[in-house]
Amino acid sequence: FKVYVTDDAKQPLTLEDLTIQMDIKRDGQLIMTILPVHDPDDAPGEFTVSLSSLESEVLETDDVFDIELRTAQDVNVWTVAQGSMFIIEDITNG
């Protein structure tokens, strides 16, 4: 899925100098960390979160994700998206 982030003036953020991190937790315990990147085909301020088939197989309904942008040495950390998973087994295991 794609995530689009802006600054306070609603202008796209420059992502090249930031680390993007997505943590997925179950019952408060970290089960996976994904490091999405800004792909060349992404628009300014946009990045794509992709999971491999093996990563998808681990997910369960109600797992919680948290996407953060981080500056060097984690001087600043911004949470840009949070949510919970709803897994459709026929698609995931098909």
N, C-alpha and C. Protein backbone atom coordinates (compact mmCIF):
# COMPACT_ATOMS: atom_id res chain seq x y z
N PHE A 1 0.84 -1.17 0.00
CA PHE A 1 0.00 0.00 0.00
C PHE A 1 0.88 1.23 0.00
N LYS A 2 0.30 2.35 -0.41
CA LYS A 2 1.05 3.60 -0.49
C LYS A 2 0.69 4.50 0.68
N VAL A 3 1.69 5.27 1.15
CA VAL A 3 1.50 6.24 2.21
C VAL A 3 1.99 7.58 1.68
N TYR A 4 1.22 8.63 1.90
CA TYR A 4 1.56 9.97 1.45
C TYR A 4 1.67 10.86 2.68
N VAL A 5 2.80 11.55 2.81
CA VAL A 5 3.04 12.39 4.00
C VAL A 5 3.35 13.82 3.60
N THR A 6 2.83 14.75 4.40
CA THR A 6 3.03 16.18 4.14
C THR A 6 3.51 16.88 5.41
N ASP A 7 3.99 18.11 5.21
CA ASP A 7 4.36 18.93 6.35
C ASP A 7 3.13 19.71 6.83
N ASP A 8 3.32 20.61 7.78
CA ASP A 8 2.19 21.38 8.33
C ASP A 8 1.51 22.25 7.28
N ALA A 9 2.25 22.63 6.23
CA ALA A 9 1.69 23.46 5.16
C ALA A 9 1.06 22.60 4.06
N LYS A 10 0.95 21.28 4.32
CA LYS A 10 0.36 20.32 3.38
C LYS A 10 1.21 20.14 2.11
N GLN A 11 2.53 20.39 2.22
CA GLN A 11 3.46 20.16 1.13
C GLN A 11 4.10 18.79 1.32
N PRO A 12 4.36 18.04 0.23
CA PRO A 12 4.96 16.71 0.36
C PRO A 12 6.31 16.78 1.07
N LEU A 13 6.54 15.84 1.98
CA LEU A 13 7.82 15.76 2.66
C LEU A 13 8.89 15.22 1.72
N THR A 14 10.11 15.67 1.90
CA THR A 14 11.25 15.10 1.20
C THR A 14 11.71 13.90 2.00
N LEU A 15 11.60 12.72 1.41
CA LEU A 15 11.84 11.49 2.16
C LEU A 15 13.26 10.96 2.07
N GLU A 16 14.06 11.50 1.16
CA GLU A 16 15.38 10.95 0.91
C GLU A 16 16.28 10.97 2.15
N ASP A 17 16.09 11.92 3.05
CA ASP A 17 16.94 12.03 4.23
C ASP A 17 16.33 11.38 5.47
N LEU A 18 15.22 10.66 5.30
CA LEU A 18 14.53 10.04 6.42
C LEU A 18 14.55 8.53 6.30
N THR A 19 14.54 7.86 7.44
CA THR A 19 14.36 6.41 7.47
C THR A 19 12.89 6.14 7.73
N ILE A 20 12.32 5.24 6.96
CA ILE A 20 10.91 4.85 7.12
C ILE A 20 10.90 3.48 7.79
N GLN A 21 10.16 3.36 8.86
CA GLN A 21 10.11 2.09 9.60
C GLN A 21 8.68 1.74 9.93
N MET A 22 8.31 0.50 9.65
CA MET A 22 6.97 0.00 9.99
C MET A 22 7.15 -1.18 10.94
N ASP A 23 6.65 -1.03 12.16
CA ASP A 23 6.66 -2.12 13.13
C ASP A 23 5.28 -2.76 13.17
N ILE A 24 5.24 -4.07 13.25
CA ILE A 24 3.99 -4.80 13.39
C ILE A 24 4.06 -5.57 14.70
N LYS A 25 3.03 -5.38 15.51
CA LYS A 25 3.00 -6.00 16.84
C LYS A 25 1.75 -6.86 17.02
N ARG A 26 1.89 -7.85 17.86
CA ARG A 26 0.77 -8.71 18.26
C ARG A 26 0.79 -8.79 19.78
N ASP A 27 -0.33 -8.43 20.38
CA ASP A 27 -0.42 -8.45 21.85
C ASP A 27 0.72 -7.66 22.49
N GLY A 28 1.08 -6.53 21.86
CA GLY A 28 2.11 -5.66 22.40
C GLY A 28 3.54 -6.10 22.13
N GLN A 29 3.72 -7.25 21.50
CA GLN A 29 5.05 -7.77 21.21
C GLN A 29 5.40 -7.57 19.74
N LEU A 30 6.58 -7.05 19.47
CA LEU A 30 7.04 -6.84 18.11
C LEU A 30 7.19 -8.17 17.39
N ILE A 31 6.54 -8.31 16.23
CA ILE A 31 6.69 -9.55 15.46
C ILE A 31 7.44 -9.33 14.15
N MET A 32 7.51 -8.05 13.70
CA MET A 32 8.16 -7.79 12.43
C MET A 32 8.47 -6.30 12.29
N THR A 33 9.59 -6.00 11.66
CA THR A 33 9.93 -4.63 11.29
C THR A 33 10.20 -4.61 9.80
N ILE A 34 9.58 -3.67 9.10
CA ILE A 34 9.76 -3.51 7.67
C ILE A 34 10.33 -2.12 7.44
N LEU A 35 11.25 -2.00 6.50
CA LEU A 35 11.86 -0.71 6.18
C LEU A 35 11.49 -0.31 4.75
N PRO A 36 10.30 0.29 4.59
CA PRO A 36 9.89 0.73 3.25
C PRO A 36 10.85 1.82 2.74
N VAL A 37 10.89 1.99 1.43
CA VAL A 37 11.73 3.03 0.83
C VAL A 37 10.91 3.83 -0.16
N HIS A 38 11.41 5.02 -0.47
CA HIS A 38 10.81 5.87 -1.48
C HIS A 38 11.30 5.36 -2.83
N ASP A 39 10.42 4.71 -3.60
CA ASP A 39 10.77 4.18 -4.91
C ASP A 39 10.74 5.28 -5.96
N PRO A 40 11.49 5.10 -7.05
CA PRO A 40 11.48 6.11 -8.12
C PRO A 40 10.10 6.37 -8.71
N ASP A 41 9.22 5.39 -8.69
CA ASP A 41 7.88 5.59 -9.25
C ASP A 41 6.89 6.20 -8.25
N ASP A 42 7.33 6.42 -7.01
CA ASP A 42 6.48 7.08 -6.02
C ASP A 42 6.48 8.59 -6.26
N ALA A 43 5.35 9.21 -6.01
CA ALA A 43 5.24 10.67 -6.12
C ALA A 43 5.98 11.33 -4.95
N PRO A 44 6.27 12.65 -5.05
CA PRO A 44 6.88 13.34 -3.91
C PRO A 44 6.03 13.16 -2.64
N GLY A 45 6.69 12.84 -1.54
CA GLY A 45 6.00 12.65 -0.27
C GLY A 45 5.31 11.30 -0.14
N GLU A 46 5.53 10.41 -1.07
CA GLU A 46 4.84 9.12 -1.10
C GLU A 46 5.85 7.99 -1.00
N PHE A 47 5.47 6.91 -0.31
CA PHE A 47 6.28 5.70 -0.31
C PHE A 47 5.37 4.49 -0.31
N THR A 48 5.93 3.37 -0.72
CA THR A 48 5.17 2.14 -0.86
C THR A 48 5.60 1.14 0.20
N VAL A 49 4.63 0.57 0.89
CA VAL A 49 4.89 -0.49 1.86
C VAL A 49 4.56 -1.81 1.17
N SER A 50 5.55 -2.68 1.08
CA SER A 50 5.36 -3.98 0.44
C SER A 50 5.77 -5.09 1.41
N LEU A 51 5.06 -6.19 1.32
CA LEU A 51 5.38 -7.36 2.13
C LEU A 51 5.61 -8.55 1.20
N SER A 52 6.57 -9.38 1.55
CA SER A 52 6.78 -10.61 0.80
C SER A 52 5.69 -11.60 1.17
N SER A 53 5.59 -12.68 0.41
CA SER A 53 4.59 -13.70 0.73
C SER A 53 4.88 -14.33 2.10
N LEU A 54 6.16 -14.50 2.43
CA LEU A 54 6.51 -15.07 3.74
C LEU A 54 6.11 -14.12 4.87
N GLU A 55 6.32 -12.82 4.67
CA GLU A 55 5.92 -11.85 5.69
C GLU A 55 4.40 -11.83 5.84
N SER A 56 3.69 -11.93 4.73
CA SER A 56 2.22 -11.91 4.77
C SER A 56 1.67 -13.11 5.53
N GLU A 57 2.32 -14.26 5.39
CA GLU A 57 1.84 -15.48 6.06
C GLU A 57 1.88 -15.37 7.57
N VAL A 58 2.75 -14.53 8.11
CA VAL A 58 2.91 -14.37 9.57
C VAL A 58 1.77 -13.54 10.16
N LEU A 59 1.16 -12.67 9.35
CA LEU A 59 0.17 -11.73 9.87
C LEU A 59 -1.12 -12.40 10.30
N GLU A 60 -1.74 -11.82 11.33
CA GLU A 60 -3.03 -12.27 11.83
C GLU A 60 -3.95 -11.06 12.00
N THR A 61 -5.24 -11.29 11.93
CA THR A 61 -6.20 -10.23 12.20
C THR A 61 -5.94 -9.66 13.58
N ASP A 62 -6.04 -8.35 13.69
CA ASP A 62 -5.81 -7.56 14.91
C ASP A 62 -4.34 -7.29 15.21
N ASP A 63 -3.40 -7.76 14.35
CA ASP A 63 -2.03 -7.29 14.49
C ASP A 63 -2.06 -5.78 14.27
N VAL A 64 -1.19 -5.06 14.95
CA VAL A 64 -1.18 -3.59 14.91
C VAL A 64 0.08 -3.13 14.20
N PHE A 65 -0.08 -2.15 13.28
CA PHE A 65 1.09 -1.59 12.63
C PHE A 65 1.27 -0.13 13.01
N ASP A 66 2.52 0.31 12.97
CA ASP A 66 2.90 1.67 13.31
C ASP A 66 3.99 2.07 12.33
N ILE A 67 3.75 3.13 11.54
CA ILE A 67 4.74 3.60 10.57
C ILE A 67 5.32 4.92 11.07
N GLU A 68 6.65 4.94 11.13
CA GLU A 68 7.35 6.13 11.63
C GLU A 68 8.37 6.62 10.60
N LEU A 69 8.58 7.94 10.59
CA LEU A 69 9.67 8.56 9.86
C LEU A 69 10.71 9.00 10.88
N ARG A 70 11.99 8.74 10.58
CA ARG A 70 13.05 9.02 11.53
C ARG A 70 14.18 9.80 10.85
N THR A 71 14.71 10.80 11.56
CA THR A 71 15.89 11.50 11.08
C THR A 71 17.13 10.73 11.54
N ALA A 72 18.30 11.18 11.10
CA ALA A 72 19.55 10.52 11.47
C ALA A 72 19.68 10.41 12.98
N GLN A 73 20.15 9.28 13.44
CA GLN A 73 20.32 8.97 14.87
C GLN A 73 19.02 9.14 15.66
N ASP A 74 17.88 9.03 14.97
CA ASP A 74 16.56 9.12 15.61
C ASP A 74 16.39 10.40 16.42
N VAL A 75 17.00 11.50 15.94
CA VAL A 75 16.85 12.79 16.63
C VAL A 75 15.38 13.18 16.66
N ASN A 76 14.69 12.98 15.54
CA ASN A 76 13.23 13.21 15.48
C ASN A 76 12.57 11.95 14.97
N VAL A 77 11.45 11.59 15.58
CA VAL A 77 10.67 10.43 15.16
C VAL A 77 9.22 10.86 15.08
N TRP A 78 8.61 10.68 13.89
CA TRP A 78 7.21 11.04 13.70
C TRP A 78 6.41 9.80 13.35
N THR A 79 5.32 9.57 14.05
CA THR A 79 4.39 8.51 13.67
C THR A 79 3.46 9.08 12.61
N VAL A 80 3.43 8.44 11.44
CA VAL A 80 2.63 8.96 10.33
C VAL A 80 1.40 8.10 10.02
N ALA A 81 1.39 6.87 10.51
CA ALA A 81 0.22 6.01 10.29
C ALA A 81 0.21 4.90 11.34
N GLN A 82 -0.98 4.58 11.81
CA GLN A 82 -1.17 3.46 12.73
C GLN A 82 -2.47 2.77 12.35
N GLY A 83 -2.55 1.50 12.62
CA GLY A 83 -3.79 0.79 12.34
C GLY A 83 -3.70 -0.66 12.74
N SER A 84 -4.77 -1.38 12.47
CA SER A 84 -4.79 -2.81 12.76
C SER A 84 -5.09 -3.58 11.48
N MET A 85 -4.63 -4.81 11.46
CA MET A 85 -4.78 -5.67 10.28
C MET A 85 -6.10 -6.42 10.31
N PHE A 86 -6.65 -6.62 9.13
CA PHE A 86 -7.77 -7.53 8.94
C PHE A 86 -7.33 -8.48 7.84
N ILE A 87 -7.08 -9.72 8.18
CA ILE A 87 -6.51 -10.69 7.26
C ILE A 87 -7.61 -11.51 6.62
N ILE A 88 -7.61 -11.58 5.30
CA ILE A 88 -8.56 -12.40 4.54
C ILE A 88 -7.81 -13.67 4.13
N GLU A 89 -8.10 -14.75 4.80
CA GLU A 89 -7.35 -15.99 4.64
C GLU A 89 -7.34 -16.51 3.21
N ASP A 90 -8.48 -16.42 2.51
CA ASP A 90 -8.54 -16.96 1.14
C ASP A 90 -7.52 -16.29 0.23
N ILE A 91 -7.26 -15.02 0.45
CA ILE A 91 -6.29 -14.30 -0.37
C ILE A 91 -4.88 -14.57 0.14
N THR A 92 -4.67 -14.49 1.44
CA THR A 92 -3.33 -14.66 2.02
C THR A 92 -2.81 -16.07 1.78
N ASN A 93 -3.66 -17.05 1.93
CA ASN A 93 -3.22 -18.46 1.81
C ASN A 93 -3.51 -19.07 0.45
N GLY A 94 -4.04 -18.28 -0.48
CA GLY A 94 -4.42 -18.80 -1.79
C GLY A 94 -3.26 -19.08 -2.62
